[in-house]
Amino acid sequence: MIFRKATSVDVVQIATLHSVSWQQNYRTSFSDDFLDNLAYDNRLNEWKKRFQNPSDDQFVVIAEEDGEFLGFMCAYFNHDAQYGTLLDNLHVSLNTQGKGVGTKLMAALAEEILKRKSANGFYLWVLDTNTAAISYYEKIGGVAIETLESNDIGDKTFMKIRYYWKDASRFLDNVKAKSHKK
């Protein structure tokens, strides 16, 4: 498995996985019409914008194995004065979930946070209907800080939860400890 910084060449694969992930996980949060007919174009346009005008704090990494696109993450360093880096997107293809790809992508982020000497914490938002992701984030040490009503994506109002990791170093130590126990 290799991890590399994403480039504009990866936009279609990223948008495809992003929209498919929404279709698989957010059926109760967004309308079927949005998910089935609009999500892909929505994500493709967003990812084109992100790569045409990347901000200095944007960090996008993809995971691949034998030419297969396994997943990606996108983060923004020092996004929040209190919580640090925003892990804005973390998506892994359904057939590779449970194999550590998401954790390795998050570890790559934690390593980059430490390398950049950014604020040490990081956080993400997850929709409250994504119970599998919530269970996963709690298993790897995320702490639910708050739940908010939102309508910043999709076509309906939904509830989202902020999960927070206070210390990137501690996150890496915990991930390494768990991988050695296997």
Protein backbone atom coordinates (compact mmCIF):
# COMPACT_ATOMS: atom_id res chain seq x y z
CA MET A 1 0.00 0.00 0.00
CA ILE A 2 1.33 3.42 -0.91
CA PHE A 3 0.29 6.86 0.27
CA ARG A 4 0.96 9.92 -1.81
CA LYS A 5 -0.10 13.53 -2.09
CA ALA A 6 -3.04 13.85 -4.42
CA THR A 7 -2.86 15.97 -7.55
CA SER A 8 -5.41 17.33 -9.98
CA VAL A 9 -5.09 14.08 -11.96
CA ASP A 10 -6.85 12.34 -9.03
CA VAL A 11 -9.95 14.56 -9.02
CA VAL A 12 -12.31 12.14 -10.78
CA GLN A 13 -11.34 9.20 -8.55
CA ILE A 14 -11.66 11.33 -5.42
CA ALA A 15 -15.05 12.73 -6.46
CA THR A 16 -16.29 9.26 -7.39
CA LEU A 17 -15.32 7.69 -4.06
CA HIS A 18 -16.61 10.74 -2.16
CA SER A 19 -20.05 10.59 -3.78
CA VAL A 20 -20.28 6.78 -3.52
CA SER A 21 -19.39 7.02 0.16
CA TRP A 22 -22.20 9.53 0.67
CA GLN A 23 -24.60 7.24 -1.19
CA GLN A 24 -23.63 4.33 1.05
CA ASN A 25 -23.67 6.19 4.37
CA TYR A 26 -26.06 9.14 4.16
CA ARG A 27 -29.35 7.77 2.78
CA THR A 28 -31.23 9.05 5.82
CA SER A 29 -29.42 12.40 5.87
CA PHE A 30 -29.82 13.48 2.24
CA SER A 31 -32.59 12.86 -0.25
CA ASP A 32 -32.37 9.98 -2.71
CA ASP A 33 -32.63 12.53 -5.52
CA PHE A 34 -29.58 14.42 -4.26
CA LEU A 35 -27.55 11.27 -3.67
CA ASP A 36 -28.50 9.53 -6.91
CA ASN A 37 -28.55 12.49 -9.29
CA LEU A 38 -26.57 15.40 -7.85
CA ALA A 39 -23.91 14.16 -5.40
CA TYR A 40 -21.31 13.19 -8.00
CA ASP A 41 -21.44 16.52 -9.86
CA ASN A 42 -21.48 18.34 -6.51
CA ARG A 43 -18.32 16.56 -5.38
CA LEU A 44 -16.61 16.80 -8.78
CA ASN A 45 -17.12 20.57 -8.86
CA GLU A 46 -15.89 20.89 -5.27
CA TRP A 47 -12.76 18.84 -5.91
CA LYS A 48 -11.97 20.70 -9.13
CA LYS A 49 -12.14 23.96 -7.14
CA ARG A 50 -9.93 22.56 -4.39
CA PHE A 51 -7.21 21.61 -6.86
CA GLN A 52 -7.51 24.67 -9.11
CA ASN A 53 -7.10 27.04 -6.14
CA PRO A 54 -5.56 25.05 -3.28
CA SER A 55 -5.07 26.89 -0.03
CA ASP A 56 -1.65 26.74 1.62
CA ASP A 57 -3.09 24.76 4.51
CA GLN A 58 -4.77 22.09 2.31
CA PHE A 59 -3.35 18.56 2.53
CA VAL A 60 -4.80 15.73 0.42
CA VAL A 61 -3.42 12.19 0.52
CA ILE A 62 -4.61 9.12 -1.33
CA ALA A 63 -4.02 5.44 -0.61
CA GLU A 64 -3.42 3.00 -3.45
CA GLU A 65 -2.43 -0.62 -3.80
CA ASP A 66 -1.50 -2.34 -7.04
CA GLY A 67 -3.01 0.58 -8.97
CA GLU A 68 -6.32 0.39 -7.07
CA PHE A 69 -7.62 3.58 -5.47
CA LEU A 70 -8.41 2.63 -1.84
CA GLY A 71 -9.22 5.92 -0.17
CA PHE A 72 -8.29 9.52 0.52
CA MET A 73 -8.26 12.20 3.15
CA CYS A 74 -8.27 15.97 2.95
CA ALA A 75 -7.27 18.21 5.83
CA TYR A 76 -6.75 21.91 6.53
CA PHE A 77 -4.01 22.76 9.01
CA ASN A 78 -4.67 25.18 11.88
CA HIS A 79 -8.27 25.55 10.76
CA ASP A 80 -9.65 26.24 14.23
CA ALA A 81 -7.95 28.14 17.06
CA GLN A 82 -9.27 25.71 19.67
CA TYR A 83 -9.29 22.35 17.85
CA GLY A 84 -6.44 22.70 15.35
CA THR A 85 -6.47 20.89 12.02
CA LEU A 86 -9.74 20.04 10.31
CA LEU A 87 -9.88 16.55 8.83
CA ASP A 88 -12.49 17.59 6.30
CA ASN A 89 -12.77 14.33 4.38
CA LEU A 90 -11.86 10.73 5.10
CA HIS A 91 -13.29 8.15 2.72
CA VAL A 92 -12.26 4.54 2.14
CA SER A 93 -13.79 2.27 -0.49
CA LEU A 94 -16.30 -0.16 0.94
CA ASN A 95 -14.34 -3.25 -0.14
CA THR A 96 -11.24 -2.10 1.79
CA GLN A 97 -12.90 -0.90 4.99
CA GLY A 98 -11.67 -2.68 8.10
CA LYS A 99 -8.16 -3.13 6.69
CA GLY A 100 -6.59 -0.11 8.39
CA VAL A 101 -6.58 2.25 5.40
CA GLY A 102 -8.52 5.00 7.20
CA THR A 103 -6.30 4.73 10.28
CA LYS A 104 -3.17 4.90 8.13
CA LEU A 105 -4.49 7.98 6.34
CA MET A 106 -5.20 9.59 9.72
CA ALA A 107 -1.71 8.61 10.89
CA ALA A 108 -0.26 10.32 7.80
CA LEU A 109 -2.16 13.44 8.82
CA ALA A 110 -0.93 13.24 12.42
CA GLU A 111 2.66 12.86 11.18
CA GLU A 112 2.26 15.89 8.93
CA ILE A 113 0.80 17.93 11.81
CA LEU A 114 3.90 17.16 13.86
CA LYS A 115 6.26 17.79 10.93
CA ARG A 116 4.69 21.19 10.28
CA LYS A 117 4.67 22.02 13.98
CA SER A 118 0.99 22.88 13.62
CA ALA A 119 -1.42 23.06 16.53
CA ASN A 120 -1.27 19.51 17.85
CA GLY A 121 -4.98 18.65 17.83
CA PHE A 122 -7.23 17.66 14.96
CA TYR A 123 -10.93 17.16 14.49
CA LEU A 124 -13.59 16.13 12.02
CA TRP A 125 -17.34 16.34 11.59
CA VAL A 126 -19.42 13.22 11.05
CA LEU A 127 -23.13 13.02 10.40
CA ASP A 128 -24.99 11.46 13.31
CA THR A 129 -26.53 8.85 10.99
CA ASN A 130 -23.11 7.39 10.09
CA THR A 131 -23.00 4.96 12.99
CA ALA A 132 -20.18 2.86 11.53
CA ALA A 133 -17.89 5.90 11.30
CA ILE A 134 -18.88 7.04 14.80
CA SER A 135 -18.01 3.64 16.22
CA TYR A 136 -14.69 3.69 14.36
CA TYR A 137 -13.75 7.20 15.56
CA GLU A 138 -14.50 6.27 19.15
CA LYS A 139 -12.46 3.06 18.80
CA ILE A 140 -9.41 5.08 17.69
CA GLY A 141 -9.66 7.62 20.48
CA GLY A 142 -11.87 10.36 19.09
CA VAL A 143 -13.92 12.28 21.62
CA ALA A 144 -17.36 13.63 20.70
CA ILE A 145 -17.22 17.30 21.66
CA GLU A 146 -20.47 18.71 20.32
CA THR A 147 -23.43 18.06 18.05
CA LEU A 148 -24.80 20.76 15.77
CA GLU A 149 -27.61 21.15 13.29
CA SER A 150 -26.28 21.94 9.83
CA ASN A 151 -27.21 22.25 6.16
CA ASP A 152 -23.83 23.09 4.65
CA ILE A 153 -23.87 20.07 2.30
CA GLY A 154 -26.56 18.04 0.62
CA ASP A 155 -30.17 19.15 0.39
CA LYS A 156 -31.55 18.68 3.90
CA THR A 157 -30.79 19.83 7.41
CA PHE A 158 -28.90 17.21 9.42
CA MET A 159 -27.08 16.74 12.70
CA LYS A 160 -23.29 16.50 12.75
CA ILE A 161 -20.90 15.60 15.56
CA ARG A 162 -17.43 17.05 16.10
CA TYR A 163 -14.88 14.35 16.99
CA TYR A 164 -11.62 15.59 18.43
CA TRP A 165 -8.14 14.20 19.01
CA LYS A 166 -6.29 16.55 21.34
CA ASP A 167 -2.78 15.30 20.63
CA ALA A 168 -1.44 14.05 17.29
CA SER A 169 1.56 12.45 19.05
CA ARG A 170 -0.68 10.48 21.37
CA PHE A 171 -2.87 9.43 18.43
CA LEU A 172 0.20 8.04 16.63
CA ASP A 173 1.38 6.25 19.77
CA ASN A 174 -2.06 4.65 20.23
CA VAL A 175 -2.25 3.59 16.57
CA LYS A 176 1.24 2.06 16.69
CA ALA A 177 0.47 0.26 19.97
CA LYS A 178 -2.71 -1.24 18.54
CA SER A 179 -0.98 -2.36 15.33
CA HIS A 180 1.71 -4.17 17.37
CA LYS A 181 -0.95 -6.08 19.32
CA LYS A 182 -2.29 -7.69 16.15
